[in-house]
């Protein structure tokens, strides 16, 4: 009886440890939801921030060249998502608004809009890849 109790306690402890293990993406999303963007957190001994890569790009020097480069990269990702048939509605709208802001020399606004478009285009591609990998789970047996 004592051995069974010890085995059960060990199994429960191991299960609790495994249940707590999280991926970087899970920890990032949790920290972002709790504290918003720009918060620092630690994952496996490394310090990270809750900024998306596109938000970091938008923090570059607000000038015509940087704004144009960010708009172009956002449009390239948007085109990729359209190519695979998973284009979301908003990236094209944000890119159009970013180009208008660029024309008015509102470089930071253009970069912020382009970053938003690029983020959504990137996530739409991730959604497409996830759907491709797991479509069979939606088919009834």
Protein backbone atom coordinates (compact mmCIF):
# COMPACT_ATOMS: atom_id res chain seq x y z
CA UNK A 1 0.00 0.00 0.00
CA UNK A 2 2.85 2.39 0.85
CA UNK A 3 4.54 1.69 -2.48
CA UNK A 4 1.33 2.36 -4.38
CA UNK A 5 0.90 5.66 -2.54
CA UNK A 6 4.47 6.71 -3.33
CA UNK A 7 4.04 5.81 -6.99
CA UNK A 8 0.77 7.72 -7.16
CA UNK A 9 2.36 10.79 -5.50
CA UNK A 10 5.31 10.64 -7.93
CA UNK A 11 2.99 10.32 -10.91
CA UNK A 12 0.92 13.29 -9.75
CA UNK A 13 4.05 15.39 -9.20
CA UNK A 14 5.33 14.52 -12.68
CA UNK A 15 1.96 15.30 -14.24
CA UNK A 16 1.85 18.69 -12.51
CA UNK A 17 5.37 19.48 -13.74
CA UNK A 18 4.53 18.51 -17.31
CA UNK A 19 1.29 20.50 -17.22
CA UNK A 20 3.22 23.61 -16.20
CA UNK A 21 5.74 23.37 -19.06
CA UNK A 22 4.92 26.05 -21.60
CA UNK A 23 6.33 26.98 -24.96
CA UNK A 24 7.82 30.39 -25.60
CA UNK A 25 4.78 31.33 -27.66
CA UNK A 26 2.43 30.45 -24.80
CA UNK A 27 4.47 32.44 -22.28
CA UNK A 28 4.77 35.40 -24.69
CA UNK A 29 1.01 35.44 -25.35
CA UNK A 30 0.22 35.16 -21.65
CA UNK A 31 2.59 38.00 -20.75
CA UNK A 32 1.30 40.16 -23.62
CA UNK A 33 -2.30 39.59 -22.49
CA UNK A 34 -1.50 40.37 -18.87
CA UNK A 35 0.85 43.34 -19.27
CA UNK A 36 0.49 44.66 -22.83
CA UNK A 37 3.25 45.52 -25.23
CA UNK A 38 6.72 46.49 -24.08
CA UNK A 39 6.73 44.38 -20.90
CA UNK A 40 9.89 42.40 -20.11
CA UNK A 41 9.67 38.77 -19.01
CA UNK A 42 12.03 35.85 -18.48
CA UNK A 43 11.81 32.54 -20.29
CA UNK A 44 14.36 29.79 -19.68
CA UNK A 45 16.83 32.26 -18.19
CA UNK A 46 16.63 34.77 -21.06
CA UNK A 47 14.92 38.17 -20.92
CA UNK A 48 12.43 39.02 -23.67
CA UNK A 49 9.95 41.80 -24.34
CA UNK A 50 6.29 41.53 -25.31
CA UNK A 51 6.81 43.42 -28.56
CA UNK A 52 6.01 41.70 -31.82
CA UNK A 53 8.82 41.81 -34.42
CA UNK A 54 6.79 44.27 -36.48
CA UNK A 55 6.44 46.62 -33.52
CA UNK A 56 10.21 46.55 -33.13
CA UNK A 57 10.58 47.44 -36.81
CA UNK A 58 8.22 50.38 -36.35
CA UNK A 59 10.52 51.71 -33.63
CA UNK A 60 13.23 52.46 -36.19
CA UNK A 61 14.05 56.06 -37.11
CA UNK A 62 10.83 57.51 -38.61
CA UNK A 63 11.96 58.60 -42.06
CA UNK A 64 10.85 58.05 -45.64
CA UNK A 65 13.25 55.17 -46.34
CA UNK A 66 12.31 53.18 -43.23
CA UNK A 67 8.61 53.78 -43.72
CA UNK A 68 8.79 52.72 -47.37
CA UNK A 69 10.78 49.59 -46.49
CA UNK A 70 8.25 48.57 -43.85
CA UNK A 71 5.33 49.21 -46.19
CA UNK A 72 7.02 47.15 -48.91
CA UNK A 73 7.73 44.23 -46.58
CA UNK A 74 4.15 44.33 -45.27
CA UNK A 75 2.79 44.32 -48.82
CA UNK A 76 5.05 41.39 -49.73
CA UNK A 77 3.65 39.33 -46.84
CA UNK A 78 0.13 40.39 -47.74
CA UNK A 79 0.75 39.19 -51.29
CA UNK A 80 2.03 35.84 -49.98
CA UNK A 81 -1.12 35.35 -47.94
CA UNK A 82 -3.23 36.24 -50.99
CA UNK A 83 -1.23 33.77 -53.07
CA UNK A 84 -2.13 30.89 -50.76
CA UNK A 85 -5.75 32.04 -50.53
CA UNK A 86 -5.69 33.15 -46.90
CA UNK A 87 -5.53 36.93 -47.18
CA UNK A 88 -7.21 38.75 -44.34
CA UNK A 89 -9.29 41.85 -44.96
CA UNK A 90 -7.36 44.48 -43.00
CA UNK A 91 -3.72 44.32 -44.16
CA UNK A 92 -4.53 45.82 -47.58
CA UNK A 93 -6.50 48.61 -45.89
CA UNK A 94 -3.66 49.37 -43.47
CA UNK A 95 -1.14 49.39 -46.30
CA UNK A 96 -3.29 51.85 -48.22
CA UNK A 97 -3.50 54.08 -45.14
CA UNK A 98 0.26 53.75 -44.58
CA UNK A 99 0.94 54.88 -48.14
CA UNK A 100 -1.33 57.89 -47.63
CA UNK A 101 0.49 58.78 -44.40
CA UNK A 102 3.82 58.42 -46.19
CA UNK A 103 2.64 60.76 -48.94
CA UNK A 104 1.82 63.32 -46.23
CA UNK A 105 5.26 62.76 -44.67
CA UNK A 106 3.76 61.30 -41.49
CA UNK A 107 6.51 58.73 -41.26
CA UNK A 108 5.81 57.32 -37.80
CA UNK A 109 2.11 56.92 -38.60
CA UNK A 110 3.01 55.19 -41.86
CA UNK A 111 5.37 52.83 -40.03
CA UNK A 112 2.78 52.01 -37.34
CA UNK A 113 0.15 51.20 -39.95
CA UNK A 114 2.58 49.13 -42.00
CA UNK A 115 3.64 47.24 -38.87
CA UNK A 116 0.00 46.44 -38.12
CA UNK A 117 -0.51 45.23 -41.69
CA UNK A 118 2.64 43.14 -41.59
CA UNK A 119 1.67 41.54 -38.28
CA UNK A 120 -1.75 40.55 -39.59
CA UNK A 121 -0.30 39.22 -42.84
CA UNK A 122 2.26 37.16 -40.88
CA UNK A 123 -0.42 35.73 -38.60
CA UNK A 124 -2.65 34.93 -41.59
CA UNK A 125 0.22 32.87 -43.03
CA UNK A 126 0.65 31.10 -39.69
CA UNK A 127 -3.07 30.37 -39.69
CA UNK A 128 -2.80 28.95 -43.20
CA UNK A 129 0.12 26.68 -42.21
CA UNK A 130 -1.72 25.51 -39.09
CA UNK A 131 -4.85 24.74 -41.13
CA UNK A 132 -2.80 22.80 -43.67
CA UNK A 133 -1.17 20.75 -40.95
CA UNK A 134 -4.35 19.98 -39.00
CA UNK A 135 -7.18 19.93 -41.55
CA UNK A 136 -7.63 16.18 -41.04
CA UNK A 137 -8.68 16.79 -37.42
CA UNK A 138 -11.83 18.53 -38.69
CA UNK A 139 -12.93 15.54 -40.80
CA UNK A 140 -15.40 13.30 -38.94
CA UNK A 141 -14.39 9.68 -38.61
